[in-house]
Amino acid sequence: MRTISYTQKAKYNLKKILDYLEPEWSYKSREKFGETLKVKTKSIQQFPNSSPIFDQQRKLYKLVTTKQTSLFYRFNDSEITIITIIDNRMNPNRINKELD
């Protein structure tokens, strides 16, 4: 099974999301998001081609994790790399900046 790794940008964005969820919503919301993310990443670990390809040239896939968030990843035979996690309400022009 492929291992999952996170880029520094993905770790930073994940921390920002988690830091936002608890004070704005609740600890329970933060934990629920974490569990959802865990389930979704296990899913792409087993079936990495199951998400739609976002950028053919860069071999990036987009996985909608919740209504509000998506993660972008690429994979090879041994690893899945989470490139970034974004807020789906983000300006579409900023998404490409997040992926660079």
Protein backbone atom coordinates (compact mmCIF):
# COMPACT_ATOMS: atom_id res chain seq x y z
CA MET A 1 0.00 0.00 0.00
CA ARG A 2 1.25 3.49 -0.81
CA THR A 3 2.42 5.73 2.00
CA ILE A 4 0.91 9.19 2.43
CA SER A 5 3.09 12.27 2.82
CA TYR A 6 2.20 15.94 3.17
CA THR A 7 4.15 18.87 1.74
CA GLN A 8 4.98 21.74 4.08
CA LYS A 9 2.25 23.80 2.40
CA ALA A 10 -0.33 21.05 2.99
CA LYS A 11 0.71 20.76 6.65
CA TYR A 12 0.48 24.52 7.08
CA ASN A 13 -2.96 24.75 5.45
CA LEU A 14 -4.24 21.79 7.46
CA LYS A 15 -3.09 23.44 10.67
CA LYS A 16 -4.84 26.69 9.66
CA ILE A 17 -8.09 24.81 9.01
CA LEU A 18 -7.91 22.93 12.31
CA ASP A 19 -7.00 26.09 14.21
CA TYR A 20 -10.02 27.82 12.67
CA LEU A 21 -12.53 25.04 13.30
CA GLU A 22 -12.22 24.68 17.06
CA PRO A 23 -12.74 28.30 18.18
CA GLU A 24 -15.22 29.15 15.41
CA TRP A 25 -17.29 25.97 15.55
CA SER A 26 -16.29 23.44 18.19
CA TYR A 27 -13.80 20.80 19.24
CA LYS A 28 -16.27 18.21 17.92
CA SER A 29 -16.25 19.86 14.47
CA ARG A 30 -12.47 19.81 14.44
CA GLU A 31 -12.40 16.12 15.37
CA LYS A 32 -15.07 15.29 12.77
CA PHE A 33 -13.03 17.05 10.07
CA GLY A 34 -9.93 15.10 11.13
CA GLU A 35 -11.81 11.80 10.93
CA THR A 36 -13.27 12.68 7.53
CA LEU A 37 -9.81 13.56 6.23
CA LYS A 38 -8.45 10.28 7.57
CA VAL A 39 -11.18 8.25 5.83
CA LYS A 40 -10.70 10.13 2.55
CA THR A 41 -6.93 9.69 2.55
CA LYS A 42 -7.30 5.96 3.25
CA SER A 43 -9.65 5.82 0.27
CA ILE A 44 -7.11 7.36 -2.12
CA GLN A 45 -4.43 5.14 -0.61
CA GLN A 46 -6.36 2.16 -1.94
CA PHE A 47 -7.72 3.76 -5.10
CA PRO A 48 -5.54 6.73 -6.10
CA ASN A 49 -7.12 7.01 -9.55
CA SER A 50 -10.63 7.36 -8.08
CA SER A 51 -10.48 11.16 -7.91
CA PRO A 52 -10.77 13.32 -11.00
CA ILE A 53 -7.55 14.57 -12.50
CA PHE A 54 -7.25 18.32 -11.97
CA ASP A 55 -4.14 19.03 -14.04
CA GLN A 56 -3.00 16.41 -16.55
CA GLN A 57 0.37 18.02 -17.19
CA ARG A 58 1.29 18.19 -13.48
CA LYS A 59 -0.48 14.88 -12.76
CA LEU A 60 -2.53 16.45 -9.97
CA TYR A 61 -5.73 14.94 -8.65
CA LYS A 62 -8.43 16.76 -6.71
CA LEU A 63 -10.31 15.11 -3.86
CA VAL A 64 -13.22 16.95 -2.29
CA THR A 65 -12.88 16.13 1.39
CA THR A 66 -15.84 18.15 2.65
CA LYS A 67 -18.21 20.65 1.13
CA GLN A 68 -15.78 23.38 2.19
CA THR A 69 -12.38 21.75 1.53
CA SER A 70 -10.47 19.83 -1.12
CA LEU A 71 -7.03 18.36 -1.26
CA PHE A 72 -4.74 18.06 -4.23
CA TYR A 73 -2.35 15.16 -4.60
CA ARG A 74 -0.10 13.23 -6.92
CA PHE A 75 1.11 9.68 -6.64
CA ASN A 76 3.59 7.11 -7.86
CA ASP A 77 3.95 3.38 -7.21
CA SER A 78 5.03 3.82 -3.60
CA GLU A 79 3.72 7.18 -2.33
CA ILE A 80 0.84 9.63 -2.39
CA THR A 81 1.89 13.22 -1.81
CA ILE A 82 -0.73 15.67 -0.57
CA ILE A 83 0.30 18.92 -2.26
CA THR A 84 -2.15 21.26 -0.54
CA ILE A 85 -5.52 21.48 1.16
CA ILE A 86 -7.72 24.40 0.18
CA ASP A 87 -10.97 26.10 1.08
CA ASN A 88 -13.35 25.49 -1.84
CA ARG A 89 -14.67 29.04 -1.51
CA MET A 90 -11.22 30.36 -2.44
CA ASN A 91 -10.85 32.53 -5.51
CA PRO A 92 -10.11 30.08 -8.37
CA ASN A 93 -7.12 32.19 -9.45
CA ARG A 94 -5.50 31.58 -6.05
CA ILE A 95 -5.75 27.81 -6.41
CA ASN A 96 -2.98 27.73 -9.01
CA LYS A 97 -0.79 29.82 -6.70
CA GLU A 98 -1.40 27.25 -3.97
CA LEU A 99 -0.34 24.48 -6.33
CA ASP A 100 2.94 26.06 -7.42
